[in-house]
Amino acid sequence: MSDLSIQPVDFDDTAQRNDFLDLLDHYMRGPTGSGQAMSNELRTRLPDELRRRPTVLSFIAYWNKKGERQAAGLINCVEGFSTFACRPLLNVHDIIVHEDFRRRGIATALLAHAEQVARERNCCKLTLEVLEGNTGARQAYLNCGFAGYQLDPAMGQALFMEKKL
C-alpha cells in the first residue's frame, strides 16, 4: 500500500503528538468509544504517561496523497507476558481508523505491523478485545487470523471482564 506509511509515535514531536491525540479523541467520541470527547486533562497528561511506559507501543498510519500526509489510523499495543508459554504477548489495546479513511485496508496494515513487531519481540501471540456489536471490526480481525480464545472447547470461549477502580 504505497499511499500508507506506519511509524512509531514520537511524543516529543508536537505534530505527531497532536495527530495521536486527535485520532484517539476521534475514537473516544464514536459509538465504540466512550461517546465523549477527550478531556483537556487527559490530552495534557497522556503523552507523558505513555512516554514513561516502555511496554506501551503506539504506531500511526499516515495516508500520503499528492504530497500531503494525513493521520489516518493509530494502534496502541501493550506488551504482557504469557505464563503458559513463558514468552511475551502483545495486546492490541486500541486500533483506530479515522472515518474519512475507512475501507482502505488501514486496519489490516496496522494489525500486520503489530504482528511484525510481536514476532520481532518473540511474542507467543497477539490479543485484543472487541465489542460484540462492532461487526465491521470483528470481521476485520477474523480476516486477519484472530479467533475466539479458549483452552478447552468444553469450557467455552474466554470472556473479557473488568472491574473499575
N, C-alpha and C. Protein backbone atom coordinates (compact mmCIF):
# COMPACT_ATOMS: atom_id res chain seq x y z
N MET A 1 0.87 -1.18 0.00
CA MET A 1 0.00 0.00 0.00
C MET A 1 0.91 1.23 0.00
N SER A 2 1.24 1.73 -1.17
CA SER A 2 2.22 2.81 -1.30
C SER A 2 1.73 4.15 -0.74
N ASP A 3 0.43 4.29 -0.59
CA ASP A 3 -0.10 5.55 -0.05
C ASP A 3 -0.08 5.59 1.46
N LEU A 4 0.37 4.52 2.10
CA LEU A 4 0.32 4.40 3.55
C LEU A 4 1.72 4.19 4.12
N SER A 5 2.01 4.92 5.19
CA SER A 5 3.25 4.67 5.94
C SER A 5 2.88 4.55 7.41
N ILE A 6 3.56 3.65 8.10
CA ILE A 6 3.29 3.41 9.51
C ILE A 6 4.60 3.66 10.25
N GLN A 7 4.50 4.46 11.32
CA GLN A 7 5.70 4.77 12.09
C GLN A 7 5.40 4.85 13.57
N PRO A 8 6.41 4.59 14.41
CA PRO A 8 6.20 4.72 15.85
C PRO A 8 5.87 6.17 16.20
N VAL A 9 5.04 6.34 17.20
CA VAL A 9 4.69 7.69 17.65
C VAL A 9 5.87 8.27 18.42
N ASP A 10 6.26 9.46 18.03
CA ASP A 10 7.30 10.21 18.74
C ASP A 10 6.57 11.30 19.53
N PHE A 11 6.41 11.09 20.83
CA PHE A 11 5.65 12.04 21.64
C PHE A 11 6.40 13.35 21.86
N ASP A 12 7.66 13.40 21.47
CA ASP A 12 8.42 14.66 21.54
C ASP A 12 8.19 15.53 20.32
N ASP A 13 7.62 14.96 19.27
CA ASP A 13 7.30 15.69 18.05
C ASP A 13 5.89 16.25 18.20
N THR A 14 5.77 17.56 18.25
CA THR A 14 4.48 18.20 18.53
C THR A 14 3.41 17.80 17.53
N ALA A 15 3.73 17.79 16.25
CA ALA A 15 2.74 17.45 15.23
C ALA A 15 2.28 16.00 15.39
N GLN A 16 3.22 15.10 15.61
CA GLN A 16 2.86 13.70 15.74
C GLN A 16 2.07 13.45 17.04
N ARG A 17 2.46 14.12 18.11
CA ARG A 17 1.72 14.01 19.38
C ARG A 17 0.28 14.47 19.17
N ASN A 18 0.10 15.59 18.46
CA ASN A 18 -1.26 16.09 18.20
C ASN A 18 -2.05 15.14 17.30
N ASP A 19 -1.38 14.54 16.30
CA ASP A 19 -2.05 13.54 15.46
C ASP A 19 -2.54 12.37 16.31
N PHE A 20 -1.68 11.89 17.19
CA PHE A 20 -2.03 10.79 18.10
C PHE A 20 -3.26 11.17 18.93
N LEU A 21 -3.21 12.32 19.56
CA LEU A 21 -4.31 12.75 20.43
C LEU A 21 -5.60 12.98 19.65
N ASP A 22 -5.49 13.55 18.45
CA ASP A 22 -6.68 13.78 17.62
C ASP A 22 -7.33 12.47 17.19
N LEU A 23 -6.51 11.48 16.81
CA LEU A 23 -7.07 10.18 16.43
C LEU A 23 -7.73 9.49 17.62
N LEU A 24 -7.08 9.54 18.77
CA LEU A 24 -7.66 8.92 19.96
C LEU A 24 -8.96 9.63 20.36
N ASP A 25 -8.98 10.95 20.27
CA ASP A 25 -10.19 11.71 20.57
C ASP A 25 -11.31 11.33 19.60
N HIS A 26 -10.97 11.18 18.32
CA HIS A 26 -11.96 10.78 17.30
C HIS A 26 -12.60 9.44 17.69
N TYR A 27 -11.75 8.51 18.12
CA TYR A 27 -12.22 7.18 18.54
C TYR A 27 -13.10 7.29 19.80
N MET A 28 -12.65 8.07 20.76
CA MET A 28 -13.39 8.20 22.02
C MET A 28 -14.78 8.79 21.81
N ARG A 29 -14.93 9.70 20.86
CA ARG A 29 -16.21 10.34 20.60
C ARG A 29 -17.22 9.42 19.93
N GLY A 30 -16.74 8.37 19.28
CA GLY A 30 -17.61 7.49 18.49
C GLY A 30 -18.37 6.48 19.32
N PRO A 31 -19.24 5.72 18.64
CA PRO A 31 -20.08 4.73 19.33
C PRO A 31 -19.29 3.57 19.93
N THR A 32 -18.09 3.28 19.43
CA THR A 32 -17.30 2.20 20.01
C THR A 32 -16.32 2.72 21.05
N GLY A 33 -16.32 4.02 21.26
CA GLY A 33 -15.54 4.64 22.33
C GLY A 33 -16.47 4.98 23.48
N SER A 34 -16.13 5.99 24.22
CA SER A 34 -16.97 6.39 25.35
C SER A 34 -18.13 7.28 24.94
N GLY A 35 -18.09 7.77 23.70
CA GLY A 35 -19.13 8.69 23.23
C GLY A 35 -18.90 10.11 23.70
N GLN A 36 -17.75 10.36 24.32
CA GLN A 36 -17.43 11.69 24.83
C GLN A 36 -16.05 12.11 24.35
N ALA A 37 -15.88 13.41 24.24
CA ALA A 37 -14.58 13.96 23.84
C ALA A 37 -13.53 13.72 24.91
N MET A 38 -12.29 13.68 24.48
CA MET A 38 -11.17 13.57 25.41
C MET A 38 -11.10 14.83 26.27
N SER A 39 -10.92 14.64 27.55
CA SER A 39 -10.81 15.80 28.44
C SER A 39 -9.48 16.51 28.21
N ASN A 40 -9.44 17.78 28.55
CA ASN A 40 -8.19 18.54 28.43
C ASN A 40 -7.11 17.95 29.34
N GLU A 41 -7.51 17.47 30.52
CA GLU A 41 -6.54 16.87 31.44
C GLU A 41 -5.89 15.63 30.81
N LEU A 42 -6.71 14.77 30.21
CA LEU A 42 -6.18 13.57 29.58
C LEU A 42 -5.26 13.95 28.41
N ARG A 43 -5.68 14.91 27.62
CA ARG A 43 -4.88 15.36 26.48
C ARG A 43 -3.52 15.88 26.94
N THR A 44 -3.49 16.51 28.08
CA THR A 44 -2.24 17.06 28.62
C THR A 44 -1.36 15.97 29.22
N ARG A 45 -1.94 15.05 29.98
CA ARG A 45 -1.16 14.05 30.73
C ARG A 45 -0.76 12.82 29.94
N LEU A 46 -1.59 12.40 28.98
CA LEU A 46 -1.39 11.11 28.33
C LEU A 46 -0.03 10.95 27.63
N PRO A 47 0.42 11.90 26.84
CA PRO A 47 1.73 11.68 26.19
C PRO A 47 2.87 11.42 27.16
N ASP A 48 2.93 12.18 28.25
CA ASP A 48 4.00 11.96 29.23
C ASP A 48 3.86 10.60 29.92
N GLU A 49 2.63 10.20 30.22
CA GLU A 49 2.42 8.91 30.86
C GLU A 49 2.82 7.77 29.92
N LEU A 50 2.49 7.87 28.66
CA LEU A 50 2.86 6.82 27.70
C LEU A 50 4.37 6.79 27.46
N ARG A 51 4.98 7.94 27.44
CA ARG A 51 6.43 8.04 27.24
C ARG A 51 7.18 7.28 28.34
N ARG A 52 6.62 7.25 29.54
CA ARG A 52 7.26 6.59 30.69
C ARG A 52 7.05 5.07 30.72
N ARG A 53 6.29 4.55 29.79
CA ARG A 53 5.94 3.12 29.82
C ARG A 53 6.51 2.42 28.58
N PRO A 54 7.68 1.80 28.73
CA PRO A 54 8.33 1.16 27.58
C PRO A 54 7.57 -0.05 27.03
N THR A 55 6.61 -0.58 27.78
CA THR A 55 5.85 -1.73 27.29
C THR A 55 4.62 -1.30 26.48
N VAL A 56 4.38 0.01 26.37
CA VAL A 56 3.29 0.52 25.54
C VAL A 56 3.89 1.00 24.23
N LEU A 57 3.38 0.45 23.13
CA LEU A 57 3.87 0.78 21.80
C LEU A 57 2.74 1.40 21.00
N SER A 58 3.00 2.55 20.40
CA SER A 58 1.99 3.24 19.61
C SER A 58 2.54 3.52 18.22
N PHE A 59 1.70 3.28 17.22
CA PHE A 59 2.09 3.49 15.82
C PHE A 59 0.98 4.24 15.10
N ILE A 60 1.37 5.22 14.29
CA ILE A 60 0.42 6.00 13.49
C ILE A 60 0.56 5.59 12.03
N ALA A 61 -0.59 5.46 11.38
CA ALA A 61 -0.63 5.24 9.93
C ALA A 61 -0.93 6.59 9.28
N TYR A 62 -0.05 6.98 8.38
CA TYR A 62 -0.24 8.22 7.63
C TYR A 62 -0.62 7.89 6.19
N TRP A 63 -1.66 8.55 5.70
CA TRP A 63 -2.09 8.42 4.32
C TRP A 63 -1.39 9.53 3.55
N ASN A 64 -0.65 9.15 2.54
CA ASN A 64 0.13 10.11 1.74
C ASN A 64 -0.48 10.22 0.36
N LYS A 65 -0.97 11.40 0.03
CA LYS A 65 -1.59 11.61 -1.27
C LYS A 65 -1.20 12.99 -1.80
N LYS A 66 -0.63 13.00 -2.99
CA LYS A 66 -0.26 14.26 -3.65
C LYS A 66 0.59 15.14 -2.76
N GLY A 67 1.55 14.52 -2.07
CA GLY A 67 2.46 15.28 -1.22
C GLY A 67 1.89 15.70 0.11
N GLU A 68 0.64 15.36 0.38
CA GLU A 68 0.02 15.70 1.66
C GLU A 68 -0.04 14.46 2.53
N ARG A 69 0.35 14.60 3.79
CA ARG A 69 0.36 13.49 4.74
C ARG A 69 -0.73 13.74 5.78
N GLN A 70 -1.64 12.77 5.92
CA GLN A 70 -2.72 12.90 6.89
C GLN A 70 -2.72 11.70 7.83
N ALA A 71 -2.92 11.98 9.11
CA ALA A 71 -3.02 10.91 10.11
C ALA A 71 -4.33 10.17 9.88
N ALA A 72 -4.23 8.89 9.54
CA ALA A 72 -5.41 8.11 9.17
C ALA A 72 -5.76 7.03 10.17
N GLY A 73 -4.76 6.52 10.91
CA GLY A 73 -5.03 5.43 11.82
C GLY A 73 -4.00 5.35 12.92
N LEU A 74 -4.33 4.61 13.94
CA LEU A 74 -3.49 4.51 15.12
C LEU A 74 -3.69 3.13 15.75
N ILE A 75 -2.61 2.55 16.25
CA ILE A 75 -2.71 1.31 17.01
C ILE A 75 -1.85 1.47 18.27
N ASN A 76 -2.44 1.16 19.41
CA ASN A 76 -1.74 1.15 20.69
C ASN A 76 -1.68 -0.29 21.17
N CYS A 77 -0.49 -0.74 21.49
CA CYS A 77 -0.29 -2.11 21.95
C CYS A 77 0.43 -2.09 23.29
N VAL A 78 0.14 -3.10 24.11
CA VAL A 78 0.77 -3.22 25.41
C VAL A 78 1.37 -4.62 25.52
N GLU A 79 2.67 -4.67 25.80
CA GLU A 79 3.31 -5.97 25.97
C GLU A 79 2.95 -6.54 27.33
N GLY A 80 2.52 -7.78 27.32
CA GLY A 80 2.26 -8.53 28.53
C GLY A 80 3.11 -9.77 28.54
N PHE A 81 2.72 -10.75 29.36
CA PHE A 81 3.51 -11.96 29.46
C PHE A 81 2.59 -13.16 29.64
N SER A 82 2.84 -14.21 28.87
CA SER A 82 2.08 -15.45 28.98
C SER A 82 2.83 -16.41 29.90
N THR A 83 2.24 -16.73 31.03
CA THR A 83 2.87 -17.71 31.93
C THR A 83 2.79 -19.10 31.32
N PHE A 84 1.78 -19.39 30.51
CA PHE A 84 1.65 -20.72 29.90
C PHE A 84 2.74 -20.95 28.86
N ALA A 85 3.13 -19.90 28.13
CA ALA A 85 4.15 -20.03 27.09
C ALA A 85 5.53 -19.56 27.54
N CYS A 86 5.57 -18.86 28.68
CA CYS A 86 6.81 -18.27 29.20
C CYS A 86 7.45 -17.37 28.15
N ARG A 87 6.59 -16.58 27.51
CA ARG A 87 7.03 -15.63 26.48
C ARG A 87 6.15 -14.39 26.56
N PRO A 88 6.63 -13.30 26.02
CA PRO A 88 5.79 -12.11 25.98
C PRO A 88 4.62 -12.30 25.02
N LEU A 89 3.61 -11.47 25.20
CA LEU A 89 2.49 -11.38 24.26
C LEU A 89 2.27 -9.91 23.99
N LEU A 90 1.59 -9.60 22.91
CA LEU A 90 1.30 -8.21 22.59
C LEU A 90 -0.20 -8.05 22.47
N ASN A 91 -0.75 -7.19 23.32
CA ASN A 91 -2.18 -6.90 23.32
C ASN A 91 -2.45 -5.63 22.53
N VAL A 92 -3.35 -5.74 21.57
CA VAL A 92 -3.81 -4.56 20.83
C VAL A 92 -4.86 -3.89 21.71
N HIS A 93 -4.48 -2.78 22.31
CA HIS A 93 -5.37 -2.10 23.24
C HIS A 93 -6.35 -1.18 22.51
N ASP A 94 -5.85 -0.45 21.53
CA ASP A 94 -6.70 0.42 20.70
C ASP A 94 -6.28 0.24 19.26
N ILE A 95 -7.26 0.22 18.38
CA ILE A 95 -6.98 0.34 16.95
C ILE A 95 -8.03 1.29 16.40
N ILE A 96 -7.55 2.31 15.74
CA ILE A 96 -8.41 3.40 15.30
C ILE A 96 -8.13 3.69 13.84
N VAL A 97 -9.18 3.78 13.05
CA VAL A 97 -9.06 4.30 11.70
C VAL A 97 -10.06 5.45 11.61
N HIS A 98 -9.55 6.63 11.29
CA HIS A 98 -10.43 7.80 11.16
C HIS A 98 -11.50 7.49 10.11
N GLU A 99 -12.72 7.90 10.38
CA GLU A 99 -13.84 7.58 9.49
C GLU A 99 -13.60 8.04 8.05
N ASP A 100 -12.81 9.07 7.83
CA ASP A 100 -12.54 9.55 6.47
C ASP A 100 -11.64 8.60 5.68
N PHE A 101 -11.03 7.62 6.36
CA PHE A 101 -10.06 6.73 5.71
C PHE A 101 -10.44 5.25 5.81
N ARG A 102 -11.65 4.97 6.22
CA ARG A 102 -12.05 3.58 6.37
C ARG A 102 -12.23 2.90 5.02
N ARG A 103 -12.13 1.58 5.04
CA ARG A 103 -12.29 0.72 3.87
C ARG A 103 -11.15 0.88 2.87
N ARG A 104 -9.97 1.18 3.39
CA ARG A 104 -8.77 1.30 2.55
C ARG A 104 -7.68 0.33 2.98
N GLY A 105 -7.98 -0.57 3.90
CA GLY A 105 -7.01 -1.56 4.35
C GLY A 105 -6.07 -1.06 5.44
N ILE A 106 -6.40 0.06 6.05
CA ILE A 106 -5.52 0.64 7.07
C ILE A 106 -5.50 -0.20 8.33
N ALA A 107 -6.65 -0.67 8.78
CA ALA A 107 -6.68 -1.52 9.98
C ALA A 107 -5.88 -2.79 9.74
N THR A 108 -6.02 -3.38 8.58
CA THR A 108 -5.27 -4.59 8.24
C THR A 108 -3.77 -4.31 8.26
N ALA A 109 -3.37 -3.17 7.71
CA ALA A 109 -1.94 -2.80 7.70
C ALA A 109 -1.43 -2.56 9.12
N LEU A 110 -2.22 -1.92 9.96
CA LEU A 110 -1.82 -1.69 11.35
C LEU A 110 -1.68 -3.00 12.11
N LEU A 111 -2.61 -3.92 11.90
CA LEU A 111 -2.53 -5.22 12.56
C LEU A 111 -1.33 -6.02 12.06
N ALA A 112 -1.05 -5.94 10.77
CA ALA A 112 0.13 -6.62 10.22
C ALA A 112 1.40 -6.03 10.81
N HIS A 113 1.42 -4.72 11.00
CA HIS A 113 2.58 -4.07 11.61
C HIS A 113 2.75 -4.54 13.06
N ALA A 114 1.65 -4.59 13.80
CA ALA A 114 1.71 -5.07 15.19
C ALA A 114 2.19 -6.51 15.23
N GLU A 115 1.75 -7.33 14.29
CA GLU A 115 2.20 -8.72 14.24
C GLU A 115 3.70 -8.79 13.97
N GLN A 116 4.19 -7.97 13.06
CA GLN A 116 5.63 -7.94 12.78
C GLN A 116 6.43 -7.56 14.03
N VAL A 117 5.96 -6.54 14.74
CA VAL A 117 6.63 -6.12 15.98
C VAL A 117 6.59 -7.24 17.00
N ALA A 118 5.43 -7.91 17.13
CA ALA A 118 5.30 -9.01 18.08
C ALA A 118 6.27 -10.15 17.74
N ARG A 119 6.42 -10.45 16.48
CA ARG A 119 7.36 -11.51 16.07
C ARG A 119 8.80 -11.09 16.39
N GLU A 120 9.13 -9.82 16.15
CA GLU A 120 10.48 -9.33 16.46
C GLU A 120 10.78 -9.42 17.95
N ARG A 121 9.75 -9.31 18.78
CA ARG A 121 9.91 -9.38 20.24
C ARG A 121 9.74 -10.79 20.77
N ASN A 122 9.61 -11.75 19.87
CA ASN A 122 9.44 -13.16 20.23
C ASN A 122 8.16 -13.39 21.05
N CYS A 123 7.11 -12.66 20.72
CA CYS A 123 5.83 -12.85 21.41
C CYS A 123 5.18 -14.15 20.95
N CYS A 124 4.42 -14.76 21.85
CA CYS A 124 3.74 -16.01 21.53
C CYS A 124 2.39 -15.76 20.85
N LYS A 125 1.83 -14.55 21.03
CA LYS A 125 0.53 -14.27 20.42
C LYS A 125 0.22 -12.78 20.49
N LEU A 126 -0.74 -12.41 19.65
CA LEU A 126 -1.38 -11.10 19.70
C LEU A 126 -2.76 -11.31 20.32
N THR A 127 -3.18 -10.40 21.17
CA THR A 127 -4.52 -10.47 21.75
C THR A 127 -5.22 -9.13 21.52
N LEU A 128 -6.53 -9.15 21.59
CA LEU A 128 -7.33 -7.93 21.54
C LEU A 128 -8.72 -8.23 22.05
N GLU A 129 -9.45 -7.19 22.35
CA GLU A 129 -10.86 -7.35 22.68
C GLU A 129 -11.66 -6.46 21.73
N VAL A 130 -12.89 -6.86 21.49
CA VAL A 130 -13.75 -6.12 20.56
C VAL A 130 -15.18 -6.20 21.08
N LEU A 131 -15.92 -5.13 20.90
CA LEU A 131 -17.32 -5.12 21.31
C LEU A 131 -18.14 -6.01 20.38
N GLU A 132 -19.09 -6.73 20.95
CA GLU A 132 -19.92 -7.65 20.16
C GLU A 132 -20.59 -6.94 18.99
N GLY A 133 -21.06 -5.73 19.22
CA GLY A 133 -21.79 -5.00 18.19
C GLY A 133 -20.93 -4.36 17.12
N ASN A 134 -19.63 -4.41 17.28
CA ASN A 134 -18.72 -3.81 16.31
C ASN A 134 -18.40 -4.85 15.23
N THR A 135 -19.41 -5.13 14.40
CA THR A 135 -19.32 -6.23 13.44
C THR A 135 -18.24 -5.98 12.38
N GLY A 136 -18.04 -4.76 11.99
CA GLY A 136 -17.00 -4.47 11.00
C GLY A 136 -15.62 -4.80 11.52
N ALA A 137 -15.34 -4.39 12.74
CA ALA A 137 -14.04 -4.69 13.35
C ALA A 137 -13.90 -6.18 13.59
N ARG A 138 -14.96 -6.81 14.06
CA ARG A 138 -14.89 -8.26 14.31
C ARG A 138 -14.53 -9.01 13.03
N GLN A 139 -15.15 -8.62 11.92
CA GLN A 139 -14.86 -9.29 10.66
C GLN A 139 -13.43 -9.02 10.21
N ALA A 140 -12.97 -7.79 10.40
CA ALA A 140 -11.58 -7.45 10.05
C ALA A 140 -10.61 -8.31 10.86
N TYR A 141 -10.88 -8.49 12.13
CA TYR A 141 -10.00 -9.30 12.98
C TYR A 141 -10.01 -10.76 12.54
N LEU A 142 -11.19 -11.28 12.23
CA LEU A 142 -11.27 -12.66 11.73
C LEU A 142 -10.48 -12.80 10.44
N ASN A 143 -10.62 -11.83 9.55
CA ASN A 143 -9.90 -11.86 8.27
C ASN A 143 -8.39 -11.81 8.47
N CYS A 144 -7.95 -11.22 9.57
CA CYS A 144 -6.52 -11.13 9.88
C CYS A 144 -6.01 -12.33 10.68
N GLY A 145 -6.88 -13.31 10.92
CA GLY A 145 -6.45 -14.53 11.59
C GLY A 145 -6.74 -14.62 13.07
N PHE A 146 -7.42 -13.63 13.62
CA PHE A 146 -7.79 -13.70 15.04
C PHE A 146 -8.98 -14.64 15.20
N ALA A 147 -9.09 -15.24 16.37
CA ALA A 147 -10.20 -16.15 16.67
C ALA A 147 -10.50 -16.03 18.15
N GLY A 148 -11.68 -16.51 18.54
CA GLY A 148 -12.04 -16.55 19.94
C GLY A 148 -11.03 -17.37 20.72
N TYR A 149 -10.80 -17.03 21.96
CA TYR A 149 -9.79 -17.70 22.79
C TYR A 149 -10.44 -18.74 23.68
N GLN A 150 -9.89 -19.94 23.61
CA GLN A 150 -10.33 -21.00 24.52
C GLN A 150 -9.19 -21.99 24.72
N LEU A 151 -9.15 -22.57 25.89
CA LEU A 151 -8.17 -23.61 26.19
C LEU A 151 -8.77 -24.99 25.93
N ASP A 152 -9.99 -25.18 26.40
CA ASP A 152 -10.70 -26.45 26.26
C ASP A 152 -12.09 -26.11 25.72
N PRO A 153 -12.44 -26.62 24.54
CA PRO A 153 -13.76 -26.29 23.97
C PRO A 153 -14.92 -26.58 24.93
N ALA A 154 -14.77 -27.54 25.80
CA ALA A 154 -15.84 -27.86 26.76
C ALA A 154 -16.07 -26.70 27.74
N MET A 155 -15.03 -25.89 27.96
CA MET A 155 -15.15 -24.75 28.88
C MET A 155 -15.61 -23.47 28.17
N GLY A 156 -15.65 -23.47 26.86
CA GLY A 156 -16.12 -22.31 26.11
C GLY A 156 -15.04 -21.26 25.91
N GLN A 157 -15.45 -20.18 25.26
CA GLN A 157 -14.52 -19.10 24.97
C GLN A 157 -14.34 -18.20 26.18
N ALA A 158 -13.17 -17.58 26.23
CA ALA A 158 -12.87 -16.63 27.30
C ALA A 158 -13.75 -15.39 27.14
N LEU A 159 -14.08 -14.77 28.25
CA LEU A 159 -14.84 -13.52 28.26
C LEU A 159 -13.94 -12.42 28.79
N PHE A 160 -14.04 -11.26 28.23
CA PHE A 160 -13.31 -10.09 28.72
C PHE A 160 -14.18 -9.43 29.79
N MET A 161 -13.61 -9.20 30.95
CA MET A 161 -14.34 -8.58 32.05
C MET A 161 -13.51 -7.45 32.63
N GLU A 162 -14.15 -6.58 33.38
CA GLU A 162 -13.42 -5.50 34.03
C GLU A 162 -14.03 -5.20 35.39
N LYS A 163 -13.23 -4.58 36.23
CA LYS A 163 -13.69 -4.04 37.50
C LYS A 163 -13.05 -2.66 37.61
N LYS A 164 -13.86 -1.63 37.51
CA LYS A 164 -13.33 -0.26 37.58
C LYS A 164 -12.88 0.07 38.99
N LEU A 165 -11.74 0.73 39.05
CA LEU A 165 -11.19 1.12 40.34
C LEU A 165 -11.17 2.64 40.48
